[in-house]
Amino acid sequence: MGLGIMPTNDEGCLQLCLQEVANNFRNPVTAQHASDGTHRLFVAEQLGLVWVLLPDGSRLSKPLLNLTDRVLTSPWFGDERGFLGLAFHPKFHRNGRLFVYYSVVNNNGHEVIRISEFHMDAQDENHADPTSERTAQTIERQRMRSQGGTTQDLGKLPPRFKNECLPGYTGWLYPPAHQKQLPQKGTRSNVGGPG
């Protein structure tokens, strides 16, 4: 988990203090940083909004990305469809590339999962250009029940895996080394590409 050295009590239980860093989100699904030195936190909501939290804890009034016009959501409690994951390119600080993973209805009326690349707005470091979407992968699922999960942090993958990831049954993007452990077939997606 990356908690480092943690104190324990006499029974061996970890002593951990939690601190709220943000609130007032609607169905948050992930909180990521871009490893770009800005210390911003990006919080994605299932509805298709990605918010920017500044180091002082304040939230910008304009989202980093608004995909509410394309993300498939439903009013049913516990439905896992929607915006599902966010990952930043390992060289995000130079190339402004980020990847998202979400449910959508395609042109044929079928529910699919889409993995797309976006680029940051050249004029605003806190806003991605919604028109820059490039679909990296579309996956038609026979059972759309379980889609929850998130994209694997591309920056933490070993170098040989940074260019290929596989959507797994839990929604995670798996590097090739883990593919043989998956209980179902998937499709490889090249999301790294040139830097």
Protein backbone atom coordinates (compact mmCIF):
# COMPACT_ATOMS: atom_id res chain seq x y z
CA MET A 1 0.00 0.00 0.00
CA GLY A 2 2.94 2.35 0.29
CA LEU A 3 2.22 3.40 3.87
CA GLY A 4 5.89 3.20 4.87
CA ILE A 5 6.71 2.50 8.52
CA MET A 6 3.58 2.69 10.62
CA PRO A 7 3.37 2.54 14.42
CA THR A 8 1.39 -0.33 15.91
CA ASN A 9 -0.30 -0.81 19.25
CA ASP A 10 0.34 -3.72 21.66
CA GLU A 11 -1.98 -5.95 19.62
CA GLY A 12 -0.12 -5.27 16.36
CA CYS A 13 -2.84 -3.06 14.88
CA LEU A 14 -1.75 -0.10 12.79
CA GLN A 15 -2.29 3.32 14.29
CA LEU A 16 -3.48 5.45 11.45
CA CYS A 17 -4.98 8.94 11.46
CA LEU A 18 -7.21 10.06 8.62
CA GLN A 19 -7.59 13.65 7.49
CA GLU A 20 -10.27 14.92 5.13
CA VAL A 21 -8.71 16.74 2.19
CA ALA A 22 -11.85 17.44 0.15
CA ASN A 23 -15.60 16.95 0.22
CA ASN A 24 -18.83 17.69 -1.67
CA PHE A 25 -18.21 15.32 -4.57
CA ARG A 26 -20.92 13.26 -6.29
CA ASN A 27 -19.86 9.61 -6.51
CA PRO A 28 -16.08 10.14 -6.63
CA VAL A 29 -14.37 7.17 -8.27
CA THR A 30 -10.70 8.10 -8.13
CA ALA A 31 -8.24 10.69 -6.89
CA GLN A 32 -4.94 10.92 -8.77
CA HIS A 33 -1.92 13.14 -9.00
CA ALA A 34 0.02 13.69 -12.23
CA SER A 35 3.56 13.52 -10.78
CA ASP A 36 4.20 16.84 -12.50
CA GLY A 37 5.51 18.78 -9.49
CA THR A 38 2.39 20.97 -9.12
CA HIS A 39 1.01 18.96 -6.16
CA ARG A 40 -2.49 19.16 -7.62
CA LEU A 41 -4.97 16.36 -6.90
CA PHE A 42 -7.45 15.34 -9.60
CA VAL A 43 -10.76 13.89 -8.41
CA ALA A 44 -13.05 12.18 -10.91
CA GLU A 45 -16.79 11.77 -10.41
CA GLN A 46 -18.78 8.90 -11.92
CA LEU A 47 -20.91 11.44 -13.83
CA GLY A 48 -17.92 12.39 -16.00
CA LEU A 49 -16.35 15.39 -14.27
CA VAL A 50 -12.70 15.61 -13.24
CA TRP A 51 -11.97 18.32 -10.68
CA VAL A 52 -8.68 20.02 -9.80
CA LEU A 53 -7.75 20.42 -6.14
CA LEU A 54 -4.90 22.84 -5.51
CA PRO A 55 -2.23 22.20 -2.84
CA ASP A 56 -4.09 24.45 -0.38
CA GLY A 57 -7.17 22.18 -0.67
CA SER A 58 -9.29 24.58 -2.72
CA ARG A 59 -11.21 23.26 -5.72
CA LEU A 60 -11.15 25.15 -9.01
CA SER A 61 -14.61 26.21 -10.21
CA LYS A 62 -14.02 24.86 -13.73
CA PRO A 63 -13.38 21.11 -14.07
CA LEU A 64 -10.23 19.76 -15.69
CA LEU A 65 -12.46 17.68 -17.96
CA ASN A 66 -16.22 17.51 -18.46
CA LEU A 67 -17.44 14.38 -20.26
CA THR A 68 -21.00 14.40 -18.92
CA ASP A 69 -22.31 14.70 -22.48
CA ARG A 70 -20.80 11.31 -23.46
CA VAL A 71 -20.47 9.21 -20.29
CA LEU A 72 -23.18 6.59 -19.81
CA THR A 73 -24.63 6.72 -16.32
CA SER A 74 -27.88 5.51 -14.79
CA PRO A 75 -30.08 6.54 -11.86
CA TRP A 76 -29.87 3.06 -10.30
CA PHE A 77 -28.13 2.83 -6.96
CA GLY A 78 -24.90 0.87 -7.20
CA ASP A 79 -24.70 0.92 -11.01
CA GLU A 80 -21.04 0.83 -11.98
CA ARG A 81 -21.38 2.47 -15.38
CA GLY A 82 -19.95 5.94 -15.87
CA PHE A 83 -16.53 7.54 -15.66
CA LEU A 84 -14.35 4.76 -14.27
CA GLY A 85 -10.70 5.73 -14.36
CA LEU A 86 -8.02 8.32 -14.96
CA ALA A 87 -4.27 7.96 -15.56
CA PHE A 88 -1.60 10.45 -16.49
CA HIS A 89 1.13 9.72 -19.00
CA PRO A 90 4.52 9.21 -17.26
CA LYS A 91 5.77 12.30 -19.12
CA PHE A 92 2.60 14.33 -18.48
CA HIS A 93 4.64 17.34 -17.33
CA ARG A 94 6.06 17.54 -20.89
CA ASN A 95 3.36 16.17 -23.18
CA GLY A 96 0.09 16.94 -21.33
CA ARG A 97 -1.40 13.52 -22.18
CA LEU A 98 -3.95 11.84 -19.94
CA PHE A 99 -6.12 8.76 -20.34
CA VAL A 100 -9.66 8.11 -19.23
CA TYR A 101 -11.78 4.99 -19.03
CA TYR A 102 -15.57 5.28 -19.23
CA SER A 103 -18.85 3.66 -20.25
CA VAL A 104 -20.56 4.96 -23.38
CA VAL A 105 -23.24 4.01 -25.91
CA ASN A 106 -21.65 3.59 -29.35
CA ASN A 107 -23.15 4.53 -32.73
CA ASN A 108 -24.83 1.10 -32.94
CA GLY A 109 -26.63 1.63 -29.63
CA HIS A 110 -24.46 -0.88 -27.73
CA GLU A 111 -22.97 -0.22 -24.34
CA VAL A 112 -19.18 -0.27 -24.57
CA ILE A 113 -16.18 0.74 -22.53
CA ARG A 114 -13.93 3.37 -24.06
CA ILE A 115 -10.32 4.14 -23.22
CA SER A 116 -9.41 7.54 -24.60
CA GLU A 117 -6.49 9.90 -24.64
CA PHE A 118 -6.89 13.64 -24.09
CA HIS A 119 -4.43 16.53 -24.24
CA MET A 120 -4.23 19.49 -21.94
CA ASP A 121 -5.34 22.88 -23.23
CA ALA A 122 -2.21 24.73 -24.36
CA GLN A 123 -3.53 27.96 -22.80
CA ASP A 124 -4.70 26.57 -19.43
CA GLU A 125 -2.72 24.07 -17.35
CA ASN A 126 -5.87 23.26 -15.34
CA HIS A 127 -8.07 22.31 -18.27
CA ALA A 128 -7.98 19.42 -20.74
CA ASP A 129 -9.26 20.00 -24.27
CA PRO A 130 -12.46 17.89 -24.59
CA THR A 131 -12.19 18.04 -28.40
CA SER A 132 -8.76 16.36 -28.31
CA GLU A 133 -10.23 12.93 -27.55
CA ARG A 134 -8.53 10.08 -29.36
CA THR A 135 -10.11 6.70 -28.74
CA ALA A 136 -7.34 4.23 -27.92
CA GLN A 137 -9.64 1.25 -27.37
CA THR A 138 -13.33 0.37 -27.45
CA ILE A 139 -14.38 -2.81 -25.72
CA GLU A 140 -17.80 -4.31 -26.26
CA ARG A 141 -18.73 -6.27 -23.18
CA GLN A 142 -21.26 -9.08 -23.22
CA ARG A 143 -22.03 -8.59 -19.55
CA MET A 144 -22.02 -4.95 -18.56
CA ARG A 145 -22.69 -5.65 -14.87
CA SER A 146 -19.22 -5.22 -13.36
CA GLN A 147 -17.21 -2.32 -14.73
CA GLY A 148 -15.84 -0.75 -11.59
CA GLY A 149 -12.14 -0.23 -11.07
CA THR A 150 -9.63 2.22 -12.37
CA THR A 151 -6.80 2.58 -14.81
CA GLN A 152 -3.39 1.43 -13.65
CA ASP A 153 -1.07 4.31 -12.80
CA LEU A 154 1.02 4.37 -15.98
CA GLY A 155 3.86 6.11 -14.20
CA LYS A 156 4.35 3.19 -11.79
CA LEU A 157 4.48 0.44 -14.39
CA PRO A 158 7.89 -1.08 -15.14
CA PRO A 159 9.33 0.47 -18.35
CA ARG A 160 8.64 -2.59 -20.48
CA PHE A 161 4.91 -2.40 -19.64
CA LYS A 162 4.28 1.31 -20.10
CA ASN A 163 3.09 0.95 -23.68
CA GLU A 164 0.63 -1.91 -23.33
CA CYS A 165 -2.15 -2.39 -20.82
CA LEU A 166 -5.12 -4.72 -20.77
CA PRO A 167 -8.59 -4.00 -19.38
CA GLY A 168 -9.40 -6.78 -16.94
CA TYR A 169 -12.59 -8.17 -15.50
CA THR A 170 -12.46 -5.80 -12.50
CA GLY A 171 -11.98 -2.71 -14.62
CA TRP A 172 -8.24 -2.35 -13.97
CA LEU A 173 -5.82 -1.98 -16.84
CA TYR A 174 -3.37 -4.85 -16.48
CA PRO A 175 0.18 -4.91 -17.85
CA PRO A 176 1.00 -7.96 -20.01
CA ALA A 177 2.77 -9.81 -17.15
CA HIS A 178 -0.55 -10.17 -15.30
CA GLN A 179 -2.69 -11.09 -18.31
CA LYS A 180 -2.31 -14.85 -17.91
CA GLN A 181 -3.72 -14.55 -14.38
CA LEU A 182 -7.00 -13.03 -15.58
CA PRO A 183 -10.08 -15.26 -15.58
CA GLN A 184 -11.30 -13.99 -18.95
CA LYS A 185 -9.93 -12.80 -22.26
CA GLY A 186 -9.23 -9.15 -22.88
CA THR A 187 -7.74 -6.89 -25.49
CA ARG A 188 -4.38 -5.16 -25.47
CA SER A 189 -4.37 -1.38 -25.67
CA ASN A 190 -1.29 0.69 -26.55
CA VAL A 191 -1.75 3.81 -24.43
CA GLY A 192 1.90 4.80 -23.90
CA GLY A 193 3.11 5.54 -27.40
CA PRO A 194 5.84 8.07 -28.08
CA GLY A 195 6.57 10.47 -25.23
